[in-house]
Amino acid sequence: MRLSDDRLGEIAAELATKPKHEKVRALLYELLTAGLGAASTDIELEKPVPEAKGRLDGLLGRTVFEIKSDLGRELADAEHRLPSYLEERGARAISTG
């Protein structure tokens, strides 16, 4: 199922209201599955990453999603977390080769 232009506009408008974390995750899931055609089984949400002492908000293949409801306020946290997540994902990609 492809997302209509109207639905994409609705999602963008809703994201612009800065909804809470769970709503952003639900909209991201819809964009990935209906918008990009990703299989639900290929999407991991809240994936524990012990090596980075945290959880990935979303993961599709080698793409990491870090959800922030207010990036202006939470930018420092995102900048702190993403490098360790990316390092862990890169190391895993190399080891599975």
PDB file of N, CA and C in Angstrom:
ATOM      1  N   MET A   1       0.831  -1.181   0.000  1.00  0.00           N
ATOM      2  CA  MET A   1       0.000   0.000   0.000  1.00  0.00           C
ATOM      3  C   MET A   1       0.877   1.246   0.000  1.00  0.00           C
ATOM      4  N   ARG A   2       0.637   2.129  -0.889  1.00  0.00           N
ATOM      5  CA  ARG A   2       1.398   3.370  -0.986  1.00  0.00           C
ATOM      6  C   ARG A   2       0.652   4.478  -0.253  1.00  0.00           C
ATOM      7  N   LEU A   3       1.392   5.324   0.413  1.00  0.00           N
ATOM      8  CA  LEU A   3       0.768   6.464   1.080  1.00  0.00           C
ATOM      9  C   LEU A   3       0.355   7.500   0.042  1.00  0.00           C
ATOM     10  N   SER A   4      -0.811   8.042   0.208  1.00  0.00           N
ATOM     11  CA  SER A   4      -1.266   9.101  -0.690  1.00  0.00           C
ATOM     12  C   SER A   4      -0.549  10.399  -0.330  1.00  0.00           C
ATOM     13  N   ASP A   5      -0.522  11.317  -1.265  1.00  0.00           N
ATOM     14  CA  ASP A   5       0.067  12.625  -0.994  1.00  0.00           C
ATOM     15  C   ASP A   5      -0.657  13.310   0.163  1.00  0.00           C
ATOM     16  N   ASP A   6      -1.975  13.110   0.228  1.00  0.00           N
ATOM     17  CA  ASP A   6      -2.744  13.697   1.329  1.00  0.00           C
ATOM     18  C   ASP A   6      -2.281  13.141   2.667  1.00  0.00           C
ATOM     19  N   ARG A   7      -2.095  11.822   2.738  1.00  0.00           N
ATOM     20  CA  ARG A   7      -1.662  11.207   3.995  1.00  0.00           C
ATOM     21  C   ARG A   7      -0.261  11.649   4.367  1.00  0.00           C
ATOM     22  N   LEU A   8       0.627  11.756   3.387  1.00  0.00           N
ATOM     23  CA  LEU A   8       1.977  12.256   3.678  1.00  0.00           C
ATOM     24  C   LEU A   8       1.909  13.661   4.257  1.00  0.00           C
ATOM     25  N   GLY A   9       1.039  14.485   3.700  1.00  0.00           N
ATOM     26  CA  GLY A   9       0.850  15.841   4.224  1.00  0.00           C
ATOM     27  C   GLY A   9       0.313  15.830   5.642  1.00  0.00           C
ATOM     28  N   GLU A  10      -0.618  14.918   5.903  1.00  0.00           N
ATOM     29  CA  GLU A  10      -1.174  14.796   7.258  1.00  0.00           C
ATOM     30  C   GLU A  10      -0.090  14.381   8.254  1.00  0.00           C
ATOM     31  N   ILE A  11       0.745  13.434   7.852  1.00  0.00           N
ATOM     32  CA  ILE A  11       1.824  12.982   8.734  1.00  0.00           C
ATOM     33  C   ILE A  11       2.799  14.123   9.000  1.00  0.00           C
ATOM     34  N   ALA A  12       3.187  14.841   7.953  1.00  0.00           N
ATOM     35  CA  ALA A  12       4.111  15.972   8.125  1.00  0.00           C
ATOM     36  C   ALA A  12       3.508  17.031   9.045  1.00  0.00           C
ATOM     37  N   ALA A  13       2.232  17.321   8.849  1.00  0.00           N
ATOM     38  CA  ALA A  13       1.566  18.327   9.688  1.00  0.00           C
ATOM     39  C   ALA A  13       1.516  17.864  11.139  1.00  0.00           C
ATOM     40  N   GLU A  14       1.243  16.583  11.348  1.00  0.00           N
ATOM     41  CA  GLU A  14       1.187  16.065  12.707  1.00  0.00           C
ATOM     42  C   GLU A  14       2.567  16.087  13.363  1.00  0.00           C
ATOM     43  N   LEU A  15       3.595  15.718  12.614  1.00  0.00           N
ATOM     44  CA  LEU A  15       4.951  15.763  13.167  1.00  0.00           C
ATOM     45  C   LEU A  15       5.361  17.192  13.516  1.00  0.00           C
ATOM     46  N   ALA A  16       4.874  18.153  12.751  1.00  0.00           N
ATOM     47  CA  ALA A  16       5.202  19.559  13.008  1.00  0.00           C
ATOM     48  C   ALA A  16       4.633  20.052  14.339  1.00  0.00           C
ATOM     49  N   THR A  17       3.633  19.348  14.869  1.00  0.00           N
ATOM     50  CA  THR A  17       3.062  19.738  16.166  1.00  0.00           C
ATOM     51  C   THR A  17       3.901  19.232  17.339  1.00  0.00           C
ATOM     52  N   LYS A  18       4.985  18.522  17.041  1.00  0.00           N
ATOM     53  CA  LYS A  18       5.891  17.967  18.049  1.00  0.00           C
ATOM     54  C   LYS A  18       5.171  17.018  19.012  1.00  0.00           C
ATOM     55  N   PRO A  19       4.590  15.947  18.456  1.00  0.00           N
ATOM     56  CA  PRO A  19       3.899  14.992  19.325  1.00  0.00           C
ATOM     57  C   PRO A  19       4.885  14.235  20.213  1.00  0.00           C
ATOM     58  N   LYS A  20       4.343  13.529  21.175  1.00  0.00           N
ATOM     59  CA  LYS A  20       5.161  12.734  22.097  1.00  0.00           C
ATOM     60  C   LYS A  20       5.829  11.570  21.357  1.00  0.00           C
ATOM     61  N   HIS A  21       6.814  10.993  22.025  1.00  0.00           N
ATOM     62  CA  HIS A  21       7.676   9.949  21.487  1.00  0.00           C
ATOM     63  C   HIS A  21       6.904   8.801  20.840  1.00  0.00           C
ATOM     64  N   GLU A  22       5.894   8.265  21.526  1.00  0.00           N
ATOM     65  CA  GLU A  22       5.157   7.112  20.998  1.00  0.00           C
ATOM     66  C   GLU A  22       4.427   7.442  19.702  1.00  0.00           C
ATOM     67  N   LYS A  23       3.871   8.639  19.605  1.00  0.00           N
ATOM     68  CA  LYS A  23       3.163   9.046  18.397  1.00  0.00           C
ATOM     69  C   LYS A  23       4.161   9.190  17.242  1.00  0.00           C
ATOM     70  N   VAL A  24       5.321   9.761  17.507  1.00  0.00           N
ATOM     71  CA  VAL A  24       6.346   9.891  16.470  1.00  0.00           C
ATOM     72  C   VAL A  24       6.766   8.512  15.989  1.00  0.00           C
ATOM     73  N   ARG A  25       6.936   7.581  16.916  1.00  0.00           N
ATOM     74  CA  ARG A  25       7.317   6.215  16.547  1.00  0.00           C
ATOM     75  C   ARG A  25       6.246   5.580  15.655  1.00  0.00           C
ATOM     76  N   ALA A  26       4.990   5.784  15.987  1.00  0.00           N
ATOM     77  CA  ALA A  26       3.899   5.224  15.181  1.00  0.00           C
ATOM     78  C   ALA A  26       3.882   5.832  13.777  1.00  0.00           C
ATOM     79  N   LEU A  27       4.095   7.129  13.692  1.00  0.00           N
ATOM     80  CA  LEU A  27       4.118   7.784  12.385  1.00  0.00           C
ATOM     81  C   LEU A  27       5.343   7.349  11.574  1.00  0.00           C
ATOM     82  N   LEU A  28       6.486   7.187  12.234  1.00  0.00           N
ATOM     83  CA  LEU A  28       7.686   6.690  11.561  1.00  0.00           C
ATOM     84  C   LEU A  28       7.433   5.295  11.003  1.00  0.00           C
ATOM     85  N   TYR A  29       6.808   4.442  11.798  1.00  0.00           N
ATOM     86  CA  TYR A  29       6.482   3.083  11.364  1.00  0.00           C
ATOM     87  C   TYR A  29       5.599   3.126  10.110  1.00  0.00           C
ATOM     88  N   GLU A  30       4.600   3.995  10.118  1.00  0.00           N
ATOM     89  CA  GLU A  30       3.731   4.124   8.951  1.00  0.00           C
ATOM     90  C   GLU A  30       4.508   4.603   7.718  1.00  0.00           C
ATOM     91  N   LEU A  31       5.382   5.572   7.916  1.00  0.00           N
ATOM     92  CA  LEU A  31       6.199   6.057   6.792  1.00  0.00           C
ATOM     93  C   LEU A  31       7.092   4.953   6.228  1.00  0.00           C
ATOM     94  N   LEU A  32       7.687   4.163   7.113  1.00  0.00           N
ATOM     95  CA  LEU A  32       8.591   3.104   6.659  1.00  0.00           C
ATOM     96  C   LEU A  32       7.845   1.977   5.957  1.00  0.00           C
ATOM     97  N   THR A  33       6.712   1.558   6.516  1.00  0.00           N
ATOM     98  CA  THR A  33       5.988   0.429   5.924  1.00  0.00           C
ATOM     99  C   THR A  33       5.143   0.849   4.735  1.00  0.00           C
ATOM    100  N   ALA A  34       4.260   1.797   4.930  1.00  0.00           N
ATOM    101  CA  ALA A  34       3.345   2.195   3.852  1.00  0.00           C
ATOM    102  C   ALA A  34       4.007   3.148   2.861  1.00  0.00           C
ATOM    103  N   GLY A  35       4.901   3.980   3.361  1.00  0.00           N
ATOM    104  CA  GLY A  35       5.545   4.957   2.485  1.00  0.00           C
ATOM    105  C   GLY A  35       6.700   4.389   1.682  1.00  0.00           C
ATOM    106  N   LEU A  36       7.532   3.604   2.336  1.00  0.00           N
ATOM    107  CA  LEU A  36       8.721   3.061   1.668  1.00  0.00           C
ATOM    108  C   LEU A  36       8.606   1.583   1.325  1.00  0.00           C
ATOM    109  N   GLY A  37       7.554   0.942   1.825  1.00  0.00           N
ATOM    110  CA  GLY A  37       7.356  -0.472   1.520  1.00  0.00           C
ATOM    111  C   GLY A  37       8.228  -1.419   2.315  1.00  0.00           C
ATOM    112  N   ALA A  38       8.785  -0.953   3.424  1.00  0.00           N
ATOM    113  CA  ALA A  38       9.603  -1.830   4.266  1.00  0.00           C
ATOM    114  C   ALA A  38       8.714  -2.876   4.922  1.00  0.00           C
ATOM    115  N   ALA A  39       9.232  -4.077   5.022  1.00  0.00           N
ATOM    116  CA  ALA A  39       8.502  -5.140   5.710  1.00  0.00           C
ATOM    117  C   ALA A  39       8.522  -4.863   7.207  1.00  0.00           C
ATOM    118  N   SER A  40       7.395  -5.075   7.845  1.00  0.00           N
ATOM    119  CA  SER A  40       7.303  -4.870   9.285  1.00  0.00           C
ATOM    120  C   SER A  40       8.356  -5.682  10.025  1.00  0.00           C
ATOM    121  N   THR A  41       8.631  -6.864   9.550  1.00  0.00           N
ATOM    122  CA  THR A  41       9.605  -7.739  10.213  1.00  0.00           C
ATOM    123  C   THR A  41      11.035  -7.214  10.096  1.00  0.00           C
ATOM    124  N   ASP A  42      11.274  -6.266   9.191  1.00  0.00           N
ATOM    125  CA  ASP A  42      12.612  -5.683   9.026  1.00  0.00           C
ATOM    126  C   ASP A  42      12.839  -4.465   9.917  1.00  0.00           C
ATOM    127  N   ILE A  43      11.795  -4.018  10.588  1.00  0.00           N
ATOM    128  CA  ILE A  43      11.882  -2.824  11.430  1.00  0.00           C
ATOM    129  C   ILE A  43      11.975  -3.258  12.886  1.00  0.00           C
ATOM    130  N   GLU A  44      12.986  -2.736  13.568  1.00  0.00           N
ATOM    131  CA  GLU A  44      13.142  -3.015  14.994  1.00  0.00           C
ATOM    132  C   GLU A  44      12.936  -1.704  15.744  1.00  0.00           C
ATOM    133  N   LEU A  45      12.095  -1.741  16.771  1.00  0.00           N
ATOM    134  CA  LEU A  45      11.827  -0.573  17.597  1.00  0.00           C
ATOM    135  C   LEU A  45      12.317  -0.840  19.013  1.00  0.00           C
ATOM    136  N   GLU A  46      12.898   0.198  19.629  1.00  0.00           N
ATOM    137  CA  GLU A  46      13.411   0.081  20.996  1.00  0.00           C
ATOM    138  C   GLU A  46      14.369  -1.089  21.144  1.00  0.00           C
ATOM    139  N   LYS A  47      15.276  -1.208  20.181  1.00  0.00           N
ATOM    140  CA  LYS A  47      16.244  -2.309  20.187  1.00  0.00           C
ATOM    141  C   LYS A  47      17.348  -2.024  21.203  1.00  0.00           C
ATOM    142  N   PRO A  48      17.512  -2.907  22.187  1.00  0.00           N
ATOM    143  CA  PRO A  48      18.581  -2.717  23.166  1.00  0.00           C
ATOM    144  C   PRO A  48      19.957  -2.795  22.500  1.00  0.00           C
ATOM    145  N   VAL A  49      20.828  -1.894  22.907  1.00  0.00           N
ATOM    146  CA  VAL A  49      22.213  -1.877  22.429  1.00  0.00           C
ATOM    147  C   VAL A  49      23.093  -1.764  23.673  1.00  0.00           C
ATOM    148  N   PRO A  50      23.347  -2.912  24.317  1.00  0.00           N
ATOM    149  CA  PRO A  50      24.110  -2.875  25.577  1.00  0.00           C
ATOM    150  C   PRO A  50      25.483  -2.212  25.425  1.00  0.00           C
ATOM    151  N   GLU A  51      26.126  -2.433  24.280  1.00  0.00           N
ATOM    152  CA  GLU A  51      27.463  -1.864  24.065  1.00  0.00           C
ATOM    153  C   GLU A  51      27.435  -0.340  24.128  1.00  0.00           C
ATOM    154  N   ALA A  52      26.310   0.257  23.753  1.00  0.00           N
ATOM    155  CA  ALA A  52      26.170   1.713  23.761  1.00  0.00           C
ATOM    156  C   ALA A  52      25.365   2.187  24.959  1.00  0.00           C
ATOM    157  N   LYS A  53      25.006   1.264  25.831  1.00  0.00           N
ATOM    158  CA  LYS A  53      24.247   1.572  27.048  1.00  0.00           C
ATOM    159  C   LYS A  53      22.966   2.340  26.737  1.00  0.00           C
ATOM    160  N   GLY A  54      22.194   1.796  25.820  1.00  0.00           N
ATOM    161  CA  GLY A  54      20.937   2.452  25.474  1.00  0.00           C
ATOM    162  C   GLY A  54      20.104   1.583  24.565  1.00  0.00           C
ATOM    163  N   ARG A  55      19.124   2.211  23.922  1.00  0.00           N
ATOM    164  CA  ARG A  55      18.243   1.527  22.974  1.00  0.00           C
ATOM    165  C   ARG A  55      18.105   2.392  21.742  1.00  0.00           C
ATOM    166  N   LEU A  56      18.048   1.726  20.604  1.00  0.00           N
ATOM    167  CA  LEU A  56      17.776   2.433  19.359  1.00  0.00           C
ATOM    168  C   LEU A  56      16.268   2.635  19.271  1.00  0.00           C
ATOM    169  N   ASP A  57      15.847   3.851  18.983  1.00  0.00           N
ATOM    170  CA  ASP A  57      14.410   4.089  18.828  1.00  0.00           C
ATOM    171  C   ASP A  57      13.874   3.310  17.642  1.00  0.00           C
ATOM    172  N   GLY A  58      14.634   3.274  16.580  1.00  0.00           N
ATOM    173  CA  GLY A  58      14.234   2.523  15.400  1.00  0.00           C
ATOM    174  C   GLY A  58      15.445   2.088  14.616  1.00  0.00           C
ATOM    175  N   LEU A  59      15.300   0.941  13.955  1.00  0.00           N
ATOM    176  CA  LEU A  59      16.384   0.408  13.143  1.00  0.00           C
ATOM    177  C   LEU A  59      15.783  -0.283  11.933  1.00  0.00           C
ATOM    178  N   LEU A  60      16.261   0.085  10.766  1.00  0.00           N
ATOM    179  CA  LEU A  60      15.864  -0.562   9.517  1.00  0.00           C
ATOM    180  C   LEU A  60      17.146  -0.797   8.731  1.00  0.00           C
ATOM    181  N   GLY A  61      17.533  -2.062   8.647  1.00  0.00           N
ATOM    182  CA  GLY A  61      18.807  -2.371   8.002  1.00  0.00           C
ATOM    183  C   GLY A  61      19.935  -1.736   8.791  1.00  0.00           C
ATOM    184  N   ARG A  62      20.680  -0.872   8.150  1.00  0.00           N
ATOM    185  CA  ARG A  62      21.785  -0.171   8.825  1.00  0.00           C
ATOM    186  C   ARG A  62      21.435   1.279   9.136  1.00  0.00           C
ATOM    187  N   THR A  63      20.164   1.614   9.026  1.00  0.00           N
ATOM    188  CA  THR A  63      19.715   2.977   9.307  1.00  0.00           C
ATOM    189  C   THR A  63      19.158   3.049  10.720  1.00  0.00           C
ATOM    190  N   VAL A  64      19.718   3.948  11.504  1.00  0.00           N
ATOM    191  CA  VAL A  64      19.320   4.147  12.896  1.00  0.00           C
ATOM    192  C   VAL A  64      18.428   5.380  12.978  1.00  0.00           C
ATOM    193  N   PHE A  65      17.332   5.268  13.729  1.00  0.00           N
ATOM    194  CA  PHE A  65      16.431   6.391  13.955  1.00  0.00           C
ATOM    195  C   PHE A  65      16.461   6.751  15.433  1.00  0.00           C
ATOM    196  N   GLU A  66      16.747   7.991  15.731  1.00  0.00           N
ATOM    197  CA  GLU A  66      16.711   8.505  17.103  1.00  0.00           C
ATOM    198  C   GLU A  66      15.588   9.528  17.141  1.00  0.00           C
ATOM    199  N   ILE A  67      14.550   9.235  17.912  1.00  0.00           N
ATOM    200  CA  ILE A  67      13.362  10.083  17.955  1.00  0.00           C
ATOM    201  C   ILE A  67      13.484  11.083  19.096  1.00  0.00           C
ATOM    202  N   LYS A  68      13.280  12.332  18.759  1.00  0.00           N
ATOM    203  CA  LYS A  68      13.264  13.415  19.747  1.00  0.00           C
ATOM    204  C   LYS A  68      12.022  14.250  19.490  1.00  0.00           C
ATOM    205  N   SER A  69      11.273  14.537  20.533  1.00  0.00           N
ATOM    206  CA  SER A  69      10.059  15.325  20.348  1.00  0.00           C
ATOM    207  C   SER A  69      10.375  16.800  20.162  1.00  0.00           C
ATOM    208  N   ASP A  70      11.504  17.248  20.699  1.00  0.00           N
ATOM    209  CA  ASP A  70      11.912  18.642  20.544  1.00  0.00           C
ATOM    210  C   ASP A  70      13.422  18.656  20.330  1.00  0.00           C
ATOM    211  N   LEU A  71      13.830  18.586  19.078  1.00  0.00           N
ATOM    212  CA  LEU A  71      15.260  18.473  18.775  1.00  0.00           C
ATOM    213  C   LEU A  71      16.037  19.695  19.265  1.00  0.00           C
ATOM    214  N   GLY A  72      15.418  20.843  19.251  1.00  0.00           N
ATOM    215  CA  GLY A  72      16.095  22.029  19.775  1.00  0.00           C
ATOM    216  C   GLY A  72      16.497  21.852  21.225  1.00  0.00           C
ATOM    217  N   ARG A  73      15.608  21.260  22.002  1.00  0.00           N
ATOM    218  CA  ARG A  73      15.866  21.043  23.424  1.00  0.00           C
ATOM    219  C   ARG A  73      16.718  19.802  23.665  1.00  0.00           C
ATOM    220  N   GLU A  74      16.598  18.802  22.798  1.00  0.00           N
ATOM    221  CA  GLU A  74      17.244  17.512  23.035  1.00  0.00           C
ATOM    222  C   GLU A  74      18.424  17.230  22.095  1.00  0.00           C
ATOM    223  N   LEU A  75      18.893  18.244  21.401  1.00  0.00           N
ATOM    224  CA  LEU A  75      19.973  18.053  20.436  1.00  0.00           C
ATOM    225  C   LEU A  75      21.238  17.503  21.089  1.00  0.00           C
ATOM    226  N   ALA A  76      21.589  18.012  22.248  1.00  0.00           N
ATOM    227  CA  ALA A  76      22.802  17.532  22.916  1.00  0.00           C
ATOM    228  C   ALA A  76      22.702  16.035  23.224  1.00  0.00           C
ATOM    229  N   ASP A  77      21.532  15.589  23.657  1.00  0.00           N
ATOM    230  CA  ASP A  77      21.345  14.170  23.937  1.00  0.00           C
ATOM    231  C   ASP A  77      21.479  13.342  22.663  1.00  0.00           C
ATOM    232  N   ALA A  78      20.867  13.795  21.584  1.00  0.00           N
ATOM    233  CA  ALA A  78      20.962  13.072  20.305  1.00  0.00           C
ATOM    234  C   ALA A  78      22.411  13.013  19.831  1.00  0.00           C
ATOM    235  N   GLU A  79      23.106  14.135  19.916  1.00  0.00           N
ATOM    236  CA  GLU A  79      24.508  14.167  19.494  1.00  0.00           C
ATOM    237  C   GLU A  79      25.376  13.271  20.369  1.00  0.00           C
ATOM    238  N   HIS A  80      24.998  13.101  21.616  1.00  0.00           N
ATOM    239  CA  HIS A  80      25.747  12.234  22.531  1.00  0.00           C
ATOM    240  C   HIS A  80      25.482  10.758  22.223  1.00  0.00           C
ATOM    241  N   ARG A  81      24.233  10.399  21.933  1.00  0.00           N
ATOM    242  CA  ARG A  81      23.855   9.003  21.749  1.00  0.00           C
ATOM    243  C   ARG A  81      24.201   8.447  20.362  1.00  0.00           C
ATOM    244  N   LEU A  82      23.954   9.205  19.331  1.00  0.00           N
ATOM    245  CA  LEU A  82      24.099   8.663  17.981  1.00  0.00           C
ATOM    246  C   LEU A  82      25.494   8.138  17.652  1.00  0.00           C
ATOM    247  N   PRO A  83      26.566   8.826  18.010  1.00  0.00           N
ATOM    248  CA  PRO A  83      27.884   8.259  17.665  1.00  0.00           C
ATOM    249  C   PRO A  83      28.114   6.868  18.234  1.00  0.00           C
ATOM    250  N   SER A  84      27.704   6.620  19.477  1.00  0.00           N
ATOM    251  CA  SER A  84      27.926   5.283  20.050  1.00  0.00           C
ATOM    252  C   SER A  84      27.035   4.253  19.369  1.00  0.00           C
ATOM    253  N   TYR A  85      25.813   4.637  19.010  1.00  0.00           N
ATOM    254  CA  TYR A  85      24.937   3.714  18.291  1.00  0.00           C
ATOM    255  C   TYR A  85      25.513   3.393  16.909  1.00  0.00           C
ATOM    256  N   LEU A  86      25.984   4.422  16.234  1.00  0.00           N
ATOM    257  CA  LEU A  86      26.537   4.208  14.893  1.00  0.00           C
ATOM    258  C   LEU A  86      27.814   3.378  14.951  1.00  0.00           C
ATOM    259  N   GLU A  87      28.634   3.624  15.951  1.00  0.00           N
ATOM    260  CA  GLU A  87      29.853   2.830  16.109  1.00  0.00           C
ATOM    261  C   GLU A  87      29.506   1.362  16.332  1.00  0.00           C
ATOM    262  N   GLU A  88      28.526   1.107  17.178  1.00  0.00           N
ATOM    263  CA  GLU A  88      28.121  -0.279  17.453  1.00  0.00           C
ATOM    264  C   GLU A  88      27.554  -0.930  16.196  1.00  0.00           C
ATOM    265  N   ARG A  89      26.718  -0.207  15.443  1.00  0.00           N
ATOM    266  CA  ARG A  89      26.134  -0.756  14.223  1.00  0.00           C
ATOM    267  C   ARG A  89      27.223  -1.017  13.179  1.00  0.00           C
ATOM    268  N   GLY A  90      28.209  -0.124  13.071  1.00  0.00           N
ATOM    269  CA  GLY A  90      29.304  -0.317  12.135  1.00  0.00           C
ATOM    270  C   GLY A  90      30.141  -1.526  12.499  1.00  0.00           C
ATOM    271  N   ALA A  91      30.428  -1.692  13.779  1.00  0.00           N
ATOM    272  CA  ALA A  91      31.207  -2.850  14.221  1.00  0.00           C
ATOM    273  C   ALA A  91      30.444  -4.132  13.949  1.00  0.00           C
ATOM    274  N   ARG A  92      29.127  -4.114  14.158  1.00  0.00           N
ATOM    275  CA  ARG A  92      28.319  -5.304  13.910  1.00  0.00           C
ATOM    276  C   ARG A  92      28.296  -5.626  12.406  1.00  0.00           C
ATOM    277  N   ALA A  93      28.210  -4.602  11.561  1.00  0.00           N
ATOM    278  CA  ALA A  93      28.182  -4.825  10.113  1.00  0.00           C
ATOM    279  C   ALA A  93      29.493  -5.455   9.644  1.00  0.00           C
ATOM    280  N   ILE A  94      30.602  -4.981  10.212  1.00  0.00           N
ATOM    281  CA  ILE A  94      31.910  -5.519   9.825  1.00  0.00           C
ATOM    282  C   ILE A  94      32.034  -6.977  10.273  1.00  0.00           C
ATOM    283  N   SER A  95      31.566  -7.269  11.496  1.00  0.00           N
ATOM    284  CA  SER A  95      31.719  -8.627  12.007  1.00  0.00           C
ATOM    285  C   SER A  95      30.808  -9.625  11.331  1.00  0.00           C
ATOM    286  N   THR A  96      29.680  -9.156  10.754  1.00  0.00           N
ATOM    287  CA  THR A  96      28.763 -10.078  10.066  1.00  0.00           C
ATOM    288  C   THR A  96      29.003 -10.062   8.564  1.00  0.00           C
ATOM    289  N   GLY A  97      29.888  -9.189   8.161  1.00  0.00           N
ATOM    290  CA  GLY A  97      30.322  -9.061   6.887  1.00  0.00           C
ATOM    291  C   GLY A  97      29.974  -9.092   5.604  1.00  0.00           C
TER     292      GLY A  97
END
